[in-house]
N, C-alpha and C. Protein backbone atom coordinates (compact mmCIF):
# COMPACT_ATOMS: atom_id res chain seq x y z
N MET A 1 90.73 79.71 75.46
CA MET A 1 89.41 80.88 75.55
C MET A 1 89.85 80.85 77.49
N ALA A 2 89.31 82.02 77.63
CA ALA A 2 89.75 82.48 79.17
C ALA A 2 88.47 82.03 80.04
N LYS A 3 88.86 81.90 81.11
CA LYS A 3 87.45 81.74 81.85
C LYS A 3 86.53 82.89 82.05
N LYS A 4 85.31 82.02 82.06
CA LYS A 4 84.33 83.25 81.93
C LYS A 4 83.99 83.54 82.98
N SER A 5 84.35 83.29 84.31
CA SER A 5 83.85 84.47 85.41
C SER A 5 85.21 85.69 85.24
N ALA A 6 86.39 85.38 84.51
CA ALA A 6 87.59 86.47 84.00
C ALA A 6 86.72 87.53 83.36
N ILE A 7 85.89 87.08 82.13
CA ILE A 7 85.29 88.05 81.21
C ILE A 7 84.21 88.42 81.71
N GLU A 8 83.59 88.15 82.96
CA GLU A 8 82.52 88.72 83.40
C GLU A 8 83.10 89.81 84.19
N LYS A 9 83.94 89.09 84.86
CA LYS A 9 84.13 90.41 85.97
C LYS A 9 84.62 91.75 85.27
N ASN A 10 85.30 91.39 84.18
CA ASN A 10 85.72 92.53 83.49
C ASN A 10 84.68 93.38 82.60
N ARG A 11 83.61 92.91 82.52
CA ARG A 11 82.82 93.65 81.76
C ARG A 11 82.00 93.99 82.72
N HIS A 12 81.92 93.60 83.85
CA HIS A 12 81.14 94.46 85.28
C HIS A 12 81.93 95.47 85.04
N ARG A 13 83.31 95.31 85.22
CA ARG A 13 84.47 96.70 85.66
C ARG A 13 83.87 97.41 84.73
N MET A 14 83.68 97.38 83.40
CA MET A 14 83.30 98.43 82.40
C MET A 14 82.14 98.92 82.50
N LYS A 15 81.21 98.32 83.52
CA LYS A 15 80.19 99.29 83.17
C LYS A 15 80.15 99.80 84.05
N LEU A 16 80.80 99.73 85.35
CA LEU A 16 80.76 100.47 86.60
C LEU A 16 81.43 101.78 86.27
N VAL A 17 82.97 101.47 85.47
CA VAL A 17 83.62 102.67 85.00
C VAL A 17 82.69 103.84 84.00
N LYS A 18 81.76 103.24 83.50
CA LYS A 18 80.73 104.17 82.78
C LYS A 18 79.70 104.65 83.47
N GLN A 19 79.31 103.89 84.66
CA GLN A 19 78.52 104.45 85.38
C GLN A 19 79.04 105.30 86.56
N TYR A 20 80.24 105.48 86.93
CA TYR A 20 80.82 106.41 87.62
C TYR A 20 81.61 107.87 87.29
N ALA A 21 81.72 107.71 85.95
CA ALA A 21 82.73 108.26 84.98
C ALA A 21 82.26 109.80 85.21
N ALA A 22 80.99 110.46 85.33
CA ALA A 22 80.66 111.74 85.44
C ALA A 22 80.85 112.42 87.09
N LYS A 23 80.75 111.02 87.97
CA LYS A 23 80.88 111.66 89.51
C LYS A 23 82.43 111.58 89.63
N ARG A 24 83.18 110.77 89.06
CA ARG A 24 84.60 110.21 89.37
C ARG A 24 85.29 111.41 88.94
N GLU A 25 85.05 112.15 87.39
CA GLU A 25 85.91 113.35 86.70
C GLU A 25 85.34 114.67 87.66
N ALA A 26 84.12 114.87 88.11
CA ALA A 26 83.53 115.75 88.71
C ALA A 26 84.55 116.20 90.33
N LEU A 27 84.80 114.93 90.78
CA LEU A 27 85.34 114.82 92.10
C LEU A 27 87.02 115.07 91.94
N LYS A 28 87.59 114.46 91.10
CA LYS A 28 88.87 114.65 90.71
C LYS A 28 88.91 116.16 90.69
N ALA A 29 88.29 116.84 89.80
CA ALA A 29 88.11 118.49 89.70
C ALA A 29 88.33 118.83 90.56
N LEU A 30 87.77 118.82 91.55
CA LEU A 30 87.48 119.84 92.80
C LEU A 30 88.58 119.46 93.68
N ALA A 31 88.80 117.99 93.80
CA ALA A 31 90.14 117.48 94.47
C ALA A 31 91.72 118.45 93.83
N ALA A 32 91.49 118.66 92.43
CA ALA A 32 92.74 119.21 91.99
C ALA A 32 92.77 121.19 92.15
N ASP A 33 91.74 121.20 92.28
CA ASP A 33 91.30 122.97 92.63
C ASP A 33 91.69 123.71 92.99
N GLU A 34 92.75 124.31 93.00
CA GLU A 34 93.50 125.11 93.77
C GLU A 34 93.32 126.18 94.58
N SER A 35 91.73 126.57 94.12
CA SER A 35 91.16 128.14 94.69
C SER A 35 90.40 127.51 95.63
N LEU A 36 90.19 126.13 95.57
CA LEU A 36 89.41 125.64 97.25
C LEU A 36 90.03 125.64 98.30
N SER A 37 89.52 125.49 99.56
CA SER A 37 90.33 125.37 101.00
C SER A 37 90.76 123.98 100.77
N ASP A 38 91.56 123.77 101.71
CA ASP A 38 92.24 122.25 102.03
C ASP A 38 91.25 121.39 102.00
N GLN A 39 90.32 121.91 103.32
CA GLN A 39 89.29 121.00 103.80
C GLN A 39 88.24 120.94 102.83
N GLU A 40 87.88 121.64 101.86
CA GLU A 40 86.94 120.90 100.78
C GLU A 40 87.49 120.16 99.97
N ARG A 41 88.90 120.42 99.28
CA ARG A 41 89.44 119.73 98.66
C ARG A 41 89.91 118.42 98.83
N PHE A 42 89.98 118.13 100.63
CA PHE A 42 90.42 116.89 100.82
C PHE A 42 89.03 115.97 101.10
N ALA A 43 87.70 116.89 101.36
CA ALA A 43 86.51 116.16 101.63
C ALA A 43 86.16 115.64 99.99
N ALA A 44 86.36 116.22 98.75
CA ALA A 44 86.58 115.72 97.18
C ALA A 44 87.60 114.43 97.73
N ARG A 45 88.44 114.09 97.97
CA ARG A 45 89.36 113.04 98.04
C ARG A 45 88.75 111.60 99.18
N LEU A 46 87.99 112.28 99.84
CA LEU A 46 87.73 111.07 100.34
C LEU A 46 86.31 110.92 100.18
N LYS A 47 85.34 111.45 99.25
CA LYS A 47 84.37 111.19 98.81
C LYS A 47 84.87 110.45 97.59
N LEU A 48 85.75 110.15 96.62
CA LEU A 48 86.19 109.71 95.79
C LEU A 48 87.01 108.53 96.08
N ALA A 49 87.51 108.37 97.44
CA ALA A 49 88.07 107.36 98.03
C ALA A 49 86.94 106.04 98.15
N LYS A 50 85.42 106.70 98.20
CA LYS A 50 84.46 105.91 98.67
C LYS A 50 83.71 105.43 97.77
N LEU A 51 84.04 105.84 96.72
CA LEU A 51 83.54 105.03 95.24
C LEU A 51 84.26 103.55 95.41
N PRO A 52 83.41 102.87 94.56
CA PRO A 52 84.04 101.41 94.17
C PRO A 52 85.21 101.42 93.70
N ARG A 53 85.62 100.68 93.68
CA ARG A 53 86.96 100.36 93.40
C ARG A 53 87.40 100.09 92.08
N ASN A 54 86.47 99.10 91.60
CA ASN A 54 86.20 98.50 90.12
C ASN A 54 85.63 99.99 89.24
N SER A 55 85.32 101.09 89.89
CA SER A 55 84.99 102.08 89.16
C SER A 55 86.15 102.72 88.79
N ALA A 56 87.63 102.46 88.88
CA ALA A 56 88.30 103.27 88.20
C ALA A 56 89.07 102.83 86.77
N PRO A 57 89.19 103.58 85.74
CA PRO A 57 89.32 103.06 84.57
C PRO A 57 90.71 101.81 84.48
N SER A 58 91.65 102.64 85.36
CA SER A 58 92.59 101.60 85.25
C SER A 58 92.55 100.13 85.50
N ARG A 59 91.38 99.75 85.93
CA ARG A 59 91.39 98.43 86.86
C ARG A 59 90.65 97.53 85.45
N VAL A 60 90.23 98.31 84.39
CA VAL A 60 89.69 97.44 83.28
C VAL A 60 91.03 96.76 82.84
N ARG A 61 90.65 95.60 82.36
CA ARG A 61 92.00 95.02 81.48
C ARG A 61 91.29 94.60 79.89
N ASN A 62 92.12 94.90 78.94
CA ASN A 62 91.81 94.89 77.93
C ASN A 62 91.91 93.50 77.57
N ARG A 63 90.81 92.83 76.80
CA ARG A 63 90.67 91.54 76.58
C ARG A 63 90.61 91.32 74.79
N CYS A 64 90.78 90.03 74.53
CA CYS A 64 90.42 89.72 73.20
C CYS A 64 88.92 89.73 73.33
N GLU A 65 88.10 90.30 72.21
CA GLU A 65 86.70 90.03 71.47
C GLU A 65 86.40 88.57 71.48
N VAL A 66 87.10 87.96 70.70
CA VAL A 66 87.27 86.34 70.17
C VAL A 66 87.15 85.45 71.20
N THR A 67 88.28 85.46 72.12
CA THR A 67 88.70 84.77 73.14
C THR A 67 88.75 84.88 74.61
N GLY A 68 89.02 86.32 74.78
CA GLY A 68 89.33 86.48 75.98
C GLY A 68 90.43 86.60 76.65
N ARG A 69 91.17 86.60 75.38
CA ARG A 69 93.11 86.66 76.20
C ARG A 69 93.21 87.83 76.59
N PRO A 70 93.90 87.95 78.01
CA PRO A 70 94.34 89.39 78.35
C PRO A 70 95.67 89.86 77.79
N ARG A 71 96.36 88.81 77.21
CA ARG A 71 97.91 89.41 76.68
C ARG A 71 97.85 89.21 75.05
N ALA A 72 98.68 90.17 74.69
CA ALA A 72 99.29 90.05 73.11
C ALA A 72 97.90 90.57 72.38
N PHE A 73 97.21 92.14 73.01
CA PHE A 73 96.27 92.68 72.30
C PHE A 73 96.80 93.49 71.19
N TYR A 74 95.66 93.67 70.60
CA TYR A 74 96.10 94.60 69.65
C TYR A 74 94.68 95.86 69.74
N ARG A 75 94.94 97.01 70.22
CA ARG A 75 93.95 97.80 70.77
C ARG A 75 92.92 98.17 69.50
N LYS A 76 93.60 98.58 68.39
CA LYS A 76 93.38 98.69 66.99
C LYS A 76 92.07 97.48 66.88
N LEU A 77 92.43 96.64 66.80
CA LEU A 77 91.42 95.43 66.27
C LEU A 77 90.50 94.26 67.71
N GLN A 78 91.24 95.13 68.62
CA GLN A 78 90.17 94.62 69.84
C GLN A 78 90.06 93.23 70.17
N MET A 79 91.65 92.38 69.41
CA MET A 79 91.76 91.13 69.35
C MET A 79 92.95 90.61 69.84
N SER A 80 93.20 89.71 70.08
CA SER A 80 94.80 88.95 70.45
C SER A 80 95.88 88.69 69.30
N ARG A 81 96.48 88.59 69.44
CA ARG A 81 97.72 87.87 68.09
C ARG A 81 97.10 86.70 67.61
N ILE A 82 96.82 85.12 68.46
CA ILE A 82 96.45 84.91 68.02
C ILE A 82 95.65 84.74 67.30
N ALA A 83 94.09 85.21 67.76
CA ALA A 83 92.65 85.34 66.97
C ALA A 83 92.80 85.73 65.60
N LEU A 84 93.75 87.11 65.30
CA LEU A 84 93.97 87.70 64.45
C LEU A 84 94.60 86.88 63.51
N ARG A 85 95.67 85.86 63.52
CA ARG A 85 96.52 84.89 63.04
C ARG A 85 95.32 84.02 62.39
N GLU A 86 94.33 83.53 63.31
CA GLU A 86 93.50 82.43 62.83
C GLU A 86 92.36 82.77 61.74
N LEU A 87 91.77 84.28 61.92
CA LEU A 87 91.12 84.76 61.11
C LEU A 87 91.51 85.44 59.96
N GLY A 88 92.45 85.87 60.17
CA GLY A 88 93.74 86.56 58.73
C GLY A 88 93.82 85.24 58.05
N ASN A 89 94.12 84.18 58.49
CA ASN A 89 94.39 82.99 57.57
C ASN A 89 93.21 82.64 56.66
N GLU A 90 91.96 82.69 57.64
CA GLU A 90 90.87 82.82 56.99
C GLU A 90 90.20 83.31 56.20
N GLY A 91 90.55 84.59 55.86
CA GLY A 91 90.47 85.49 54.85
C GLY A 91 89.29 86.50 55.44
N LYS A 92 88.89 86.07 56.94
CA LYS A 92 88.30 87.40 57.41
C LYS A 92 88.03 88.33 57.88
N ILE A 93 89.35 89.15 57.38
CA ILE A 93 90.10 90.28 57.71
C ILE A 93 90.14 91.27 56.62
N PRO A 94 89.66 91.92 56.20
CA PRO A 94 89.75 92.54 55.23
C PRO A 94 91.16 93.25 54.99
N GLY A 95 91.80 93.30 54.07
CA GLY A 95 93.14 93.99 53.64
C GLY A 95 94.49 93.31 54.45
N LEU A 96 94.13 92.13 55.20
CA LEU A 96 95.14 91.40 55.80
C LEU A 96 95.57 90.48 55.30
N VAL A 97 96.68 90.47 55.04
CA VAL A 97 97.52 89.63 53.64
C VAL A 97 98.75 89.06 54.87
N LYS A 98 98.98 87.70 54.51
CA LYS A 98 100.01 86.91 54.87
C LYS A 98 101.29 87.05 54.10
N SER A 99 102.24 87.21 55.10
CA SER A 99 103.26 87.80 54.19
C SER A 99 104.34 86.42 53.91
N SER A 100 105.25 86.64 52.86
CA SER A 100 106.20 85.28 53.01
C SER A 100 107.50 85.87 52.12
N TRP A 101 108.30 85.43 52.26
CA TRP A 101 109.27 86.06 51.63
C TRP A 101 110.63 85.24 51.42
C-alpha cells in the first residue's frame, strides 16, 4: 500500500487539472496562434506560467485504484500487476483466466 499522503497529493493534482483545463487550453491556443502579435503571444505564455504547476496534466501520476502503487500500472484496468494477479486468482475479474502450460 502506498503512502496516503502520496495518494492524496495525486488526487489533488487531478482536481486541479480538471479545474484549470479550459483556461490552460485557451491560453495554449493563444500562444500558438501565428496571426497574433508577438506581445500577445508572449502575454499568453506568461499567464500560462502563472497557473499552478500541479494543474498541468503531465504532473498526474497513474496509480493503482486498489493499492495506490505507482509502477507496473495497467491503464485499461486502472490497477497494478500485483493487484490484478491477486484479484484474478480470487476470481473477481470477469474473463481473466490463469494460464498454465
